[in-house]
């Protein structure tokens, strides 16, 4: 979901930084949330991406807003970069529940 098949390196380091709203931008959390919402059953191929999500969790149990995109947002949906994000936390918890409830 985020590594090169040829080299195994992370394709774009920005994909490891979670944003909200994502607009048209991609990150690992968005990719996993898409698979969850589309009804795919998780398997071993999403394991590395799940590990990224788990590693990004702060000690307070929430996920931060890591990145703000330059698109104009007519209303403020998040506090600021580096602070706990209710939207990223919601998406991360849904993804982790989806992964843990799978038969994999």
N, C-alpha and C. Protein backbone atom coordinates (compact mmCIF):
# COMPACT_ATOMS: atom_id res chain seq x y z
N UNK A 1 0.80 -1.20 0.00
CA UNK A 1 0.00 0.00 0.00
C UNK A 1 0.85 1.26 0.00
N UNK A 2 2.13 1.11 0.35
CA UNK A 2 2.97 2.31 0.40
C UNK A 2 4.44 2.03 0.08
N UNK A 3 4.76 0.78 -0.20
CA UNK A 3 6.15 0.42 -0.51
C UNK A 3 6.30 0.00 -1.96
N UNK A 4 7.45 0.28 -2.52
CA UNK A 4 7.77 -0.12 -3.89
C UNK A 4 7.90 -1.64 -3.96
N UNK A 5 7.29 -2.24 -4.95
CA UNK A 5 7.43 -3.69 -5.12
C UNK A 5 8.86 -4.07 -5.50
N UNK A 6 9.53 -3.18 -6.18
CA UNK A 6 10.90 -3.46 -6.65
C UNK A 6 11.92 -3.33 -5.54
N UNK A 7 11.86 -2.24 -4.78
CA UNK A 7 12.90 -1.97 -3.77
C UNK A 7 12.44 -2.19 -2.33
N UNK A 8 11.16 -2.16 -2.09
CA UNK A 8 10.63 -2.28 -0.73
C UNK A 8 10.68 -0.98 0.05
N UNK A 9 11.18 0.09 -0.57
CA UNK A 9 11.26 1.39 0.09
C UNK A 9 9.89 2.08 0.09
N UNK A 10 9.70 2.97 1.06
CA UNK A 10 8.48 3.77 1.10
C UNK A 10 8.48 4.67 -0.14
N UNK A 11 7.38 4.66 -0.90
CA UNK A 11 7.30 5.40 -2.14
C UNK A 11 7.31 6.90 -1.89
N UNK A 12 6.50 7.35 -0.96
CA UNK A 12 6.40 8.78 -0.65
C UNK A 12 6.20 8.90 0.86
N UNK A 13 7.14 9.51 1.55
CA UNK A 13 7.08 9.63 3.02
C UNK A 13 5.85 10.38 3.50
N UNK A 14 5.27 11.24 2.64
CA UNK A 14 4.05 11.95 3.04
C UNK A 14 2.89 10.99 3.26
N UNK A 15 2.94 9.81 2.66
CA UNK A 15 1.88 8.82 2.83
C UNK A 15 1.83 8.29 4.26
N UNK A 16 2.87 8.51 5.04
CA UNK A 16 2.92 8.06 6.42
C UNK A 16 2.41 9.12 7.38
N UNK A 17 2.02 10.28 6.85
CA UNK A 17 1.53 11.39 7.66
C UNK A 17 0.02 11.52 7.41
N UNK A 18 -0.76 11.44 8.46
CA UNK A 18 -2.21 11.43 8.32
C UNK A 18 -2.79 12.84 8.34
N UNK A 19 -3.71 13.08 7.43
CA UNK A 19 -4.35 14.39 7.32
C UNK A 19 -5.86 14.21 7.36
N UNK A 20 -6.54 15.32 7.59
CA UNK A 20 -8.00 15.36 7.45
C UNK A 20 -8.41 16.81 7.29
N UNK A 21 -9.25 17.10 6.33
CA UNK A 21 -9.73 16.22 5.29
C UNK A 21 -8.62 15.88 4.30
N UNK A 22 -8.75 14.74 3.67
CA UNK A 22 -7.69 14.28 2.78
C UNK A 22 -7.79 14.88 1.39
N UNK A 23 -8.99 15.35 1.02
CA UNK A 23 -9.24 15.84 -0.34
C UNK A 23 -8.84 14.74 -1.32
N UNK A 24 -7.97 15.03 -2.26
CA UNK A 24 -7.55 14.04 -3.25
C UNK A 24 -6.22 13.40 -2.88
N UNK A 25 -5.65 13.76 -1.75
CA UNK A 25 -4.34 13.25 -1.33
C UNK A 25 -4.47 11.85 -0.74
N UNK A 26 -3.39 11.08 -0.84
CA UNK A 26 -3.36 9.71 -0.33
C UNK A 26 -2.50 9.63 0.92
N UNK A 27 -2.90 8.81 1.86
CA UNK A 27 -2.03 8.38 2.95
C UNK A 27 -2.45 6.96 3.34
N UNK A 28 -1.63 6.31 4.13
CA UNK A 28 -1.87 4.91 4.49
C UNK A 28 -3.22 4.73 5.18
N UNK A 29 -3.55 5.63 6.08
CA UNK A 29 -4.83 5.53 6.78
C UNK A 29 -6.00 5.66 5.82
N UNK A 30 -5.89 6.55 4.87
CA UNK A 30 -6.97 6.70 3.88
C UNK A 30 -7.11 5.43 3.04
N UNK A 31 -5.99 4.85 2.63
CA UNK A 31 -6.03 3.61 1.85
C UNK A 31 -6.68 2.47 2.61
N UNK A 32 -6.33 2.31 3.87
CA UNK A 32 -6.93 1.26 4.69
C UNK A 32 -8.41 1.51 4.91
N UNK A 33 -8.77 2.76 5.16
CA UNK A 33 -10.17 3.09 5.38
C UNK A 33 -10.99 2.84 4.12
N UNK A 34 -10.39 3.06 2.97
CA UNK A 34 -11.08 2.76 1.71
C UNK A 34 -11.34 1.26 1.60
N UNK A 35 -10.33 0.45 1.87
CA UNK A 35 -10.52 -1.01 1.79
C UNK A 35 -11.59 -1.48 2.77
N UNK A 36 -11.59 -0.93 3.98
CA UNK A 36 -12.60 -1.28 4.98
C UNK A 36 -13.99 -0.93 4.49
N UNK A 37 -14.12 0.29 3.99
CA UNK A 37 -15.43 0.77 3.54
C UNK A 37 -15.92 0.01 2.30
N UNK A 38 -15.00 -0.45 1.47
CA UNK A 38 -15.37 -1.18 0.26
C UNK A 38 -15.73 -2.64 0.55
N UNK A 39 -15.53 -3.08 1.79
CA UNK A 39 -15.93 -4.43 2.16
C UNK A 39 -14.87 -5.49 1.91
N UNK A 40 -13.63 -5.11 1.67
CA UNK A 40 -12.57 -6.09 1.49
C UNK A 40 -12.23 -6.76 2.81
N UNK A 41 -11.87 -8.03 2.76
CA UNK A 41 -11.39 -8.74 3.93
C UNK A 41 -9.89 -8.51 4.04
N UNK A 42 -9.41 -8.03 5.19
CA UNK A 42 -7.97 -7.80 5.33
C UNK A 42 -7.20 -9.11 5.31
N UNK A 43 -5.98 -9.07 4.81
CA UNK A 43 -5.10 -10.22 4.81
C UNK A 43 -3.68 -9.75 5.13
N UNK A 44 -2.72 -10.62 4.94
CA UNK A 44 -1.33 -10.31 5.32
C UNK A 44 -0.75 -9.12 4.57
N UNK A 45 -1.30 -8.78 3.41
CA UNK A 45 -0.76 -7.67 2.62
C UNK A 45 -0.98 -6.32 3.27
N UNK A 46 -1.94 -6.19 4.17
CA UNK A 46 -2.17 -4.91 4.84
C UNK A 46 -1.46 -4.82 6.18
N UNK A 47 -0.74 -5.87 6.57
CA UNK A 47 -0.09 -5.90 7.87
C UNK A 47 0.89 -4.76 8.10
N UNK A 48 1.71 -4.44 7.11
CA UNK A 48 2.69 -3.35 7.26
C UNK A 48 1.97 -2.01 7.41
N UNK A 49 0.90 -1.82 6.68
CA UNK A 49 0.14 -0.56 6.78
C UNK A 49 -0.55 -0.45 8.14
N UNK A 50 -1.07 -1.56 8.65
CA UNK A 50 -1.67 -1.57 9.98
C UNK A 50 -0.63 -1.22 11.03
N UNK A 51 0.59 -1.73 10.87
CA UNK A 51 1.68 -1.42 11.80
C UNK A 51 1.98 0.08 11.80
N UNK A 52 1.91 0.72 10.64
CA UNK A 52 2.12 2.17 10.57
C UNK A 52 1.06 2.89 11.37
N UNK A 53 -0.19 2.48 11.21
CA UNK A 53 -1.29 3.11 11.94
C UNK A 53 -1.08 2.95 13.45
N UNK A 54 -0.73 1.76 13.87
CA UNK A 54 -0.53 1.52 15.30
C UNK A 54 0.66 2.33 15.83
N UNK A 55 1.71 2.46 15.05
CA UNK A 55 2.89 3.22 15.48
C UNK A 55 2.62 4.72 15.57
N UNK A 56 1.66 5.23 14.83
CA UNK A 56 1.38 6.67 14.82
C UNK A 56 0.53 7.10 16.02
N UNK A 57 0.02 6.15 16.77
CA UNK A 57 -0.84 6.47 17.91
C UNK A 57 -0.03 7.12 19.04
N UNK A 58 -0.55 8.19 19.57
CA UNK A 58 0.10 8.89 20.68
C UNK A 58 -0.18 8.16 22.00
N UNK A 59 0.55 8.52 23.02
CA UNK A 59 0.38 7.91 24.34
C UNK A 59 -1.01 8.15 24.92
N UNK A 60 -1.67 9.23 24.49
CA UNK A 60 -3.01 9.52 24.99
C UNK A 60 -4.09 8.67 24.30
N UNK A 61 -3.67 7.77 23.40
CA UNK A 61 -4.60 6.87 22.72
C UNK A 61 -5.21 7.45 21.47
N UNK A 62 -4.82 8.65 21.09
CA UNK A 62 -5.38 9.29 19.91
C UNK A 62 -4.33 9.42 18.81
N UNK A 63 -4.82 9.67 17.62
CA UNK A 63 -3.93 9.88 16.48
C UNK A 63 -3.87 11.37 16.17
N UNK A 64 -2.69 11.87 15.87
CA UNK A 64 -2.56 13.31 15.62
C UNK A 64 -2.90 13.69 14.18
N UNK A 65 -3.11 14.95 13.99
CA UNK A 65 -3.17 15.53 12.65
C UNK A 65 -1.72 15.82 12.28
N UNK A 66 -1.21 15.14 11.26
CA UNK A 66 0.19 15.30 10.88
C UNK A 66 0.42 16.28 9.75
N UNK A 67 -0.63 16.57 9.00
CA UNK A 67 -0.44 17.34 7.78
C UNK A 67 -1.72 18.08 7.43
N UNK A 68 -1.59 19.34 7.05
CA UNK A 68 -2.72 20.10 6.50
C UNK A 68 -2.42 20.36 5.04
N UNK A 69 -3.39 20.12 4.20
CA UNK A 69 -3.22 20.36 2.77
C UNK A 69 -3.60 21.81 2.45
N UNK A 70 -3.08 22.35 1.35
CA UNK A 70 -3.29 23.77 1.05
C UNK A 70 -4.70 24.12 0.55
N UNK A 71 -5.54 23.13 0.30
CA UNK A 71 -6.89 23.43 -0.18
C UNK A 71 -7.67 24.23 0.85
N UNK A 72 -8.53 25.09 0.38
CA UNK A 72 -9.34 25.93 1.25
C UNK A 72 -10.44 25.11 1.92
N UNK A 73 -10.56 25.24 3.23
CA UNK A 73 -11.61 24.57 3.98
C UNK A 73 -12.53 25.66 4.52
N UNK A 74 -13.80 25.66 4.11
CA UNK A 74 -14.70 26.74 4.53
C UNK A 74 -15.01 26.76 6.03
N UNK A 75 -14.82 25.63 6.72
CA UNK A 75 -15.01 25.63 8.16
C UNK A 75 -13.89 24.82 8.80
N UNK A 76 -13.52 25.19 9.99
CA UNK A 76 -12.42 24.52 10.67
C UNK A 76 -12.87 23.16 11.18
N UNK A 77 -12.20 22.10 10.72
CA UNK A 77 -12.58 20.75 11.10
C UNK A 77 -11.60 20.14 12.10
N UNK A 78 -10.42 20.70 12.20
CA UNK A 78 -9.39 20.18 13.09
C UNK A 78 -8.75 21.34 13.84
N UNK A 79 -8.03 21.02 14.90
CA UNK A 79 -7.38 22.06 15.68
C UNK A 79 -6.11 22.53 14.99
N UNK A 80 -5.03 21.78 15.12
CA UNK A 80 -3.78 22.16 14.47
C UNK A 80 -2.88 20.95 14.32
N UNK A 81 -1.88 21.08 13.47
CA UNK A 81 -0.93 19.99 13.22
C UNK A 81 -0.22 19.63 14.52
N UNK A 82 -0.11 18.33 14.75
CA UNK A 82 0.56 17.82 15.95
C UNK A 82 -0.37 17.54 17.10
N UNK A 83 -1.56 18.08 17.06
CA UNK A 83 -2.54 17.87 18.13
C UNK A 83 -3.41 16.67 17.80
N UNK A 84 -4.07 16.14 18.82
CA UNK A 84 -4.96 15.00 18.62
C UNK A 84 -6.06 15.35 17.63
N UNK A 85 -6.30 14.45 16.71
CA UNK A 85 -7.32 14.65 15.67
C UNK A 85 -8.48 13.70 15.92
N UNK A 86 -9.66 14.24 16.13
CA UNK A 86 -10.82 13.37 16.35
C UNK A 86 -11.16 12.58 15.09
N UNK A 87 -10.92 13.16 13.90
CA UNK A 87 -11.25 12.47 12.65
C UNK A 87 -10.24 11.37 12.34
N UNK A 88 -8.95 11.64 12.53
CA UNK A 88 -7.96 10.59 12.32
C UNK A 88 -8.12 9.48 13.35
N UNK A 89 -8.47 9.83 14.58
CA UNK A 89 -8.69 8.83 15.61
C UNK A 89 -9.89 7.95 15.25
N UNK A 90 -10.96 8.55 14.80
CA UNK A 90 -12.14 7.79 14.38
C UNK A 90 -11.79 6.83 13.25
N UNK A 91 -11.11 7.33 12.22
CA UNK A 91 -10.76 6.48 11.08
C UNK A 91 -9.81 5.37 11.49
N UNK A 92 -8.82 5.68 12.33
CA UNK A 92 -7.86 4.67 12.77
C UNK A 92 -8.54 3.58 13.60
N UNK A 93 -9.43 3.96 14.50
CA UNK A 93 -10.14 2.96 15.30
C UNK A 93 -11.03 2.07 14.44
N UNK A 94 -11.68 2.64 13.44
CA UNK A 94 -12.50 1.82 12.53
C UNK A 94 -11.63 0.83 11.77
N UNK A 95 -10.47 1.29 11.29
CA UNK A 95 -9.58 0.42 10.54
C UNK A 95 -9.03 -0.70 11.43
N UNK A 96 -8.63 -0.37 12.64
CA UNK A 96 -8.10 -1.40 13.54
C UNK A 96 -9.17 -2.40 13.94
N UNK A 97 -10.40 -1.96 14.13
CA UNK A 97 -11.50 -2.88 14.43
C UNK A 97 -11.75 -3.81 13.24
N UNK A 98 -11.75 -3.24 12.04
CA UNK A 98 -11.92 -4.03 10.81
C UNK A 98 -10.83 -5.10 10.71
N UNK A 99 -9.59 -4.73 10.98
CA UNK A 99 -8.47 -5.66 10.88
C UNK A 99 -8.55 -6.73 11.97
N UNK A 100 -8.87 -6.34 13.20
CA UNK A 100 -8.89 -7.30 14.30
C UNK A 100 -10.08 -8.24 14.23
N UNK A 101 -11.16 -7.85 13.58
CA UNK A 101 -12.34 -8.70 13.45
C UNK A 101 -12.28 -9.63 12.25
N UNK A 102 -11.20 -9.56 11.49
CA UNK A 102 -11.09 -10.41 10.30
C UNK A 102 -10.63 -11.81 10.69
N UNK A 103 -10.93 -12.81 9.88
CA UNK A 103 -10.51 -14.17 10.17
C UNK A 103 -8.99 -14.35 9.97
N UNK A 104 -8.36 -13.39 9.38
CA UNK A 104 -6.92 -13.46 9.13
C UNK A 104 -6.19 -13.44 10.40
